[in-house]
N, C-alpha and C. Protein backbone atom coordinates (compact mmCIF):
# COMPACT_ATOMS: atom_id res chain seq x y z
N UNK A 1 0.80 -1.17 0.00
CA UNK A 1 0.00 0.00 0.00
C UNK A 1 0.86 1.27 0.00
N UNK A 2 1.94 1.20 0.70
CA UNK A 2 2.83 2.34 0.75
C UNK A 2 3.44 2.58 -0.63
N UNK A 3 3.80 1.52 -1.31
CA UNK A 3 4.39 1.68 -2.63
C UNK A 3 3.38 2.24 -3.62
N UNK A 4 2.13 1.87 -3.48
CA UNK A 4 1.10 2.42 -4.36
C UNK A 4 0.93 3.91 -4.14
N UNK A 5 1.01 4.35 -2.88
CA UNK A 5 0.91 5.77 -2.59
C UNK A 5 2.09 6.53 -3.19
N UNK A 6 3.29 5.94 -3.07
CA UNK A 6 4.47 6.58 -3.62
C UNK A 6 4.37 6.66 -5.14
N UNK A 7 3.87 5.59 -5.75
CA UNK A 7 3.71 5.62 -7.19
C UNK A 7 2.70 6.69 -7.58
N UNK A 8 1.65 6.81 -6.81
CA UNK A 8 0.63 7.83 -7.07
C UNK A 8 1.22 9.22 -6.92
N UNK A 9 2.07 9.40 -5.91
CA UNK A 9 2.69 10.70 -5.70
C UNK A 9 3.69 11.00 -6.80
N UNK A 10 4.45 10.00 -7.22
CA UNK A 10 5.44 10.22 -8.26
C UNK A 10 4.74 10.54 -9.59
N UNK A 11 3.62 9.98 -9.81
CA UNK A 11 2.88 10.29 -11.04
C UNK A 11 2.42 11.74 -11.00
N UNK A 12 1.92 12.13 -9.89
CA UNK A 12 1.46 13.52 -9.82
C UNK A 12 2.64 14.48 -9.94
N UNK A 13 3.77 14.12 -9.38
CA UNK A 13 4.96 14.97 -9.53
C UNK A 13 5.39 15.02 -10.99
N UNK A 14 5.35 13.86 -11.64
CA UNK A 14 5.71 13.81 -13.05
C UNK A 14 4.73 14.64 -13.87
N UNK A 15 3.47 14.50 -13.52
CA UNK A 15 2.46 15.27 -14.23
C UNK A 15 2.68 16.77 -13.99
N UNK A 16 3.02 17.09 -12.74
CA UNK A 16 3.28 18.50 -12.43
C UNK A 16 4.49 19.01 -13.21
N UNK A 17 5.52 18.18 -13.32
CA UNK A 17 6.71 18.57 -14.09
C UNK A 17 6.35 18.78 -15.56
N UNK A 18 5.54 17.85 -16.08
CA UNK A 18 5.12 17.97 -17.47
C UNK A 18 4.28 19.23 -17.69
N UNK A 19 3.40 19.49 -16.73
CA UNK A 19 2.59 20.70 -16.83
C UNK A 19 3.47 21.95 -16.77
N UNK A 20 4.46 21.90 -15.89
CA UNK A 20 5.38 23.04 -15.76
C UNK A 20 6.17 23.24 -17.05
N UNK A 21 6.64 22.14 -17.64
CA UNK A 21 7.37 22.23 -18.90
C UNK A 21 6.47 22.77 -20.00
N UNK A 22 5.23 22.30 -20.03
CA UNK A 22 4.29 22.77 -21.04
C UNK A 22 4.02 24.26 -20.85
N UNK A 23 3.89 24.69 -19.60
CA UNK A 23 3.66 26.11 -19.33
C UNK A 23 4.87 26.94 -19.75
N UNK A 24 6.08 26.43 -19.50
CA UNK A 24 7.29 27.14 -19.90
C UNK A 24 7.37 27.24 -21.42
N UNK A 25 6.97 26.18 -22.09
CA UNK A 25 6.97 26.17 -23.56
C UNK A 25 6.00 27.23 -24.09
N UNK A 26 4.83 27.29 -23.47
CA UNK A 26 3.84 28.28 -23.88
C UNK A 26 4.36 29.69 -23.64
N UNK A 27 5.03 29.90 -22.51
CA UNK A 27 5.59 31.21 -22.20
C UNK A 27 6.65 31.61 -23.24
N UNK A 28 7.50 30.66 -23.60
CA UNK A 28 8.52 30.94 -24.61
C UNK A 28 7.87 31.29 -25.94
N UNK A 29 6.83 30.56 -26.29
CA UNK A 29 6.13 30.82 -27.54
C UNK A 29 5.48 32.20 -27.52
N UNK A 30 4.87 32.55 -26.38
CA UNK A 30 4.25 33.87 -26.25
C UNK A 30 5.29 34.97 -26.37
N UNK A 31 6.46 34.77 -25.75
CA UNK A 31 7.52 35.77 -25.82
C UNK A 31 8.00 35.94 -27.26
N UNK A 32 8.13 34.84 -27.99
CA UNK A 32 8.54 34.92 -29.39
C UNK A 32 7.50 35.70 -30.20
N UNK A 33 6.24 35.41 -29.94
CA UNK A 33 5.17 36.11 -30.66
C UNK A 33 5.18 37.59 -30.31
N UNK A 34 5.41 37.92 -29.04
CA UNK A 34 5.45 39.32 -28.64
C UNK A 34 6.62 40.05 -29.29
N UNK A 35 7.78 39.39 -29.37
CA UNK A 35 8.93 40.00 -30.04
C UNK A 35 8.63 40.25 -31.51
N UNK A 36 7.99 39.28 -32.13
CA UNK A 36 7.65 39.41 -33.54
C UNK A 36 6.66 40.57 -33.75
N UNK A 37 5.67 40.66 -32.88
CA UNK A 37 4.71 41.75 -32.96
C UNK A 37 5.39 43.10 -32.74
N UNK A 38 6.33 43.13 -31.81
CA UNK A 38 7.05 44.36 -31.51
C UNK A 38 7.87 44.81 -32.71
N UNK A 39 8.52 43.84 -33.38
CA UNK A 39 9.29 44.16 -34.58
C UNK A 39 8.37 44.68 -35.68
N UNK A 40 7.20 44.08 -35.80
CA UNK A 40 6.26 44.52 -36.82
C UNK A 40 5.77 45.93 -36.53
N UNK A 41 5.61 46.29 -35.26
CA UNK A 41 5.17 47.63 -34.90
C UNK A 41 6.27 48.65 -35.15
N UNK A 42 7.53 48.27 -34.97
CA UNK A 42 8.64 49.19 -35.16
C UNK A 42 8.81 49.59 -36.61
N UNK A 43 8.43 48.73 -37.53
CA UNK A 43 8.62 49.01 -38.95
C UNK A 43 7.82 50.23 -39.35
N UNK A 44 8.49 51.16 -40.03
CA UNK A 44 7.79 52.31 -40.55
C UNK A 44 8.37 52.65 -41.91
N UNK A 45 7.56 53.21 -42.72
CA UNK A 45 8.02 53.57 -44.06
C UNK A 45 8.78 54.89 -43.97
N UNK A 46 9.90 54.97 -44.66
CA UNK A 46 10.70 56.20 -44.65
C UNK A 46 10.01 57.25 -45.51
N UNK A 47 9.97 58.47 -44.97
CA UNK A 47 9.40 59.56 -45.75
C UNK A 47 10.36 60.03 -46.83
N UNK A 48 11.66 60.02 -46.49
CA UNK A 48 12.69 60.42 -47.46
C UNK A 48 13.60 59.21 -47.66
N UNK A 49 13.68 58.69 -48.88
CA UNK A 49 14.52 57.51 -49.13
C UNK A 49 16.00 57.81 -48.86
N UNK A 50 16.76 56.77 -48.62
CA UNK A 50 18.18 56.92 -48.28
C UNK A 50 18.95 57.56 -49.42
N UNK A 51 18.69 57.16 -50.66
CA UNK A 51 19.43 57.74 -51.78
C UNK A 51 19.17 59.24 -51.89
N UNK A 52 17.96 59.68 -51.58
CA UNK A 52 17.66 61.11 -51.62
C UNK A 52 18.35 61.84 -50.47
N UNK A 53 18.45 61.18 -49.33
CA UNK A 53 19.17 61.79 -48.20
C UNK A 53 20.63 62.02 -48.55
N UNK A 54 21.25 61.04 -49.21
CA UNK A 54 22.66 61.17 -49.59
C UNK A 54 22.83 62.34 -50.56
N UNK A 55 21.94 62.44 -51.51
CA UNK A 55 22.02 63.54 -52.47
C UNK A 55 21.83 64.88 -51.77
N UNK A 56 20.85 64.95 -50.87
CA UNK A 56 20.60 66.21 -50.15
C UNK A 56 21.78 66.62 -49.29
N UNK A 57 22.38 65.67 -48.59
CA UNK A 57 23.54 65.98 -47.76
C UNK A 57 24.69 66.48 -48.63
N UNK A 58 24.90 65.87 -49.78
CA UNK A 58 25.96 66.30 -50.69
C UNK A 58 25.70 67.72 -51.20
N UNK A 59 24.48 67.97 -51.62
CA UNK A 59 24.13 69.30 -52.14
C UNK A 59 24.28 70.36 -51.06
N UNK A 60 23.78 70.07 -49.86
CA UNK A 60 23.90 71.05 -48.77
C UNK A 60 25.35 71.27 -48.37
N UNK A 61 26.16 70.24 -48.45
CA UNK A 61 27.58 70.39 -48.13
C UNK A 61 28.28 71.30 -49.14
N UNK A 62 27.97 71.12 -50.41
CA UNK A 62 28.57 71.97 -51.45
C UNK A 62 28.09 73.41 -51.29
N UNK A 63 26.81 73.60 -51.00
CA UNK A 63 26.29 74.95 -50.78
C UNK A 63 26.97 75.60 -49.57
N UNK A 64 27.18 74.85 -48.52
CA UNK A 64 27.85 75.38 -47.34
C UNK A 64 29.29 75.75 -47.65
N UNK A 65 29.95 74.94 -48.48
CA UNK A 65 31.32 75.25 -48.90
C UNK A 65 31.36 76.56 -49.66
N UNK A 66 30.47 76.72 -50.65
CA UNK A 66 30.44 77.96 -51.43
C UNK A 66 30.12 79.16 -50.56
N UNK A 67 29.16 79.00 -49.65
CA UNK A 67 28.81 80.11 -48.75
C UNK A 67 29.99 80.48 -47.86
N UNK A 68 30.69 79.47 -47.36
CA UNK A 68 31.87 79.74 -46.53
C UNK A 68 32.98 80.43 -47.30
N UNK A 69 33.19 79.99 -48.54
CA UNK A 69 34.20 80.65 -49.38
C UNK A 69 33.84 82.12 -49.63
N UNK A 70 32.57 82.36 -49.92
CA UNK A 70 32.13 83.73 -50.20
C UNK A 70 32.25 84.61 -48.97
N UNK A 71 31.89 84.07 -47.82
CA UNK A 71 31.98 84.85 -46.58
C UNK A 71 33.45 85.10 -46.24
N UNK A 72 34.26 84.08 -46.38
CA UNK A 72 35.68 84.24 -46.05
C UNK A 72 36.39 85.20 -46.97
N UNK A 73 36.13 85.12 -48.25
CA UNK A 73 36.84 85.98 -49.22
C UNK A 73 36.22 87.37 -49.28
N UNK A 74 34.90 87.43 -49.23
CA UNK A 74 34.21 88.72 -49.42
C UNK A 74 34.11 89.56 -48.18
N UNK A 75 33.74 88.96 -47.06
CA UNK A 75 33.50 89.75 -45.85
C UNK A 75 34.76 89.82 -44.99
N UNK A 76 35.35 88.71 -44.72
CA UNK A 76 36.55 88.70 -43.87
C UNK A 76 37.76 89.21 -44.65
N UNK A 77 37.85 88.85 -45.92
CA UNK A 77 39.01 89.23 -46.72
C UNK A 77 38.87 90.56 -47.45
N UNK A 78 37.79 91.26 -47.27
CA UNK A 78 37.56 92.58 -47.88
C UNK A 78 37.64 92.55 -49.41
N UNK A 79 37.12 91.53 -50.03
CA UNK A 79 37.05 91.45 -51.48
C UNK A 79 35.60 91.32 -51.91
N UNK A 80 35.39 91.18 -53.19
CA UNK A 80 34.02 90.95 -53.67
C UNK A 80 33.70 89.47 -53.45
N UNK A 81 32.56 89.15 -52.87
CA UNK A 81 32.22 87.76 -52.62
C UNK A 81 32.13 86.91 -53.89
N UNK A 82 31.76 87.51 -55.01
CA UNK A 82 31.64 86.73 -56.25
C UNK A 82 33.00 86.47 -56.89
N UNK A 83 34.03 87.20 -56.47
CA UNK A 83 35.37 86.98 -57.03
C UNK A 83 35.96 85.64 -56.62
N UNK A 84 35.37 85.01 -55.63
CA UNK A 84 35.88 83.72 -55.18
C UNK A 84 35.70 82.65 -56.26
N UNK A 85 34.80 82.89 -57.21
CA UNK A 85 34.55 81.91 -58.26
C UNK A 85 35.41 82.13 -59.51
N UNK A 86 36.22 83.17 -59.52
CA UNK A 86 37.11 83.43 -60.66
C UNK A 86 38.34 82.53 -60.58
N UNK A 87 38.76 82.03 -61.73
CA UNK A 87 39.93 81.15 -61.77
C UNK A 87 41.20 81.92 -61.43
N UNK A 88 41.26 83.17 -61.81
CA UNK A 88 42.47 83.97 -61.54
C UNK A 88 42.70 84.14 -60.04
N UNK A 89 41.63 84.19 -59.27
CA UNK A 89 41.77 84.30 -57.81
C UNK A 89 42.45 83.06 -57.25
N UNK A 90 42.02 81.91 -57.70
CA UNK A 90 42.59 80.67 -57.21
C UNK A 90 44.03 80.47 -57.71
N UNK A 91 44.30 80.92 -58.91
CA UNK A 91 45.67 80.83 -59.43
C UNK A 91 46.60 81.72 -58.60
N UNK A 92 46.10 82.88 -58.20
CA UNK A 92 46.89 83.78 -57.36
C UNK A 92 47.16 83.15 -55.99
N UNK A 93 46.16 82.49 -55.41
CA UNK A 93 46.32 81.82 -54.11
C UNK A 93 47.34 80.69 -54.23
N UNK A 94 47.27 79.93 -55.31
CA UNK A 94 48.22 78.83 -55.52
C UNK A 94 49.64 79.39 -55.68
N UNK A 95 49.78 80.49 -56.40
CA UNK A 95 51.09 81.12 -56.59
C UNK A 95 51.67 81.59 -55.26
N UNK A 96 50.82 82.13 -54.39
CA UNK A 96 51.29 82.58 -53.07
C UNK A 96 51.76 81.40 -52.24
N UNK A 97 51.01 80.32 -52.27
CA UNK A 97 51.36 79.15 -51.46
C UNK A 97 52.63 78.48 -51.97
N UNK A 98 52.78 78.42 -53.30
CA UNK A 98 53.92 77.71 -53.87
C UNK A 98 55.07 78.63 -54.30
N UNK A 99 55.07 79.86 -53.85
CA UNK A 99 56.11 80.77 -54.31
C UNK A 99 57.49 80.24 -53.92
N UNK A 100 58.43 80.47 -54.79
CA UNK A 100 59.78 79.96 -54.57
C UNK A 100 60.57 80.97 -53.75
N UNK A 101 61.43 80.45 -52.91
CA UNK A 101 62.20 81.32 -52.01
C UNK A 101 63.56 81.57 -52.56
């Protein structure tokens, strides 16, 4: 009789273990589903495509360069701001930098 009770208890423990494993499996599955749902929610369509961003950054960088050259040559250097685009101005700067001693 004692052995039958122990067998009965061991079965319930085994059943409890199986139930616990099944519950853990369900929890893991739920977590995977939640992660998947979270990833799906994070997805958003870009308003400005990447290739357009690269072009815009390049264009704005060139514009900033030209504006800086004009400010530096025209306002700080006391010259005409549009003279910065003349080839003779740049040739003169190169001659000054490379002048022979």
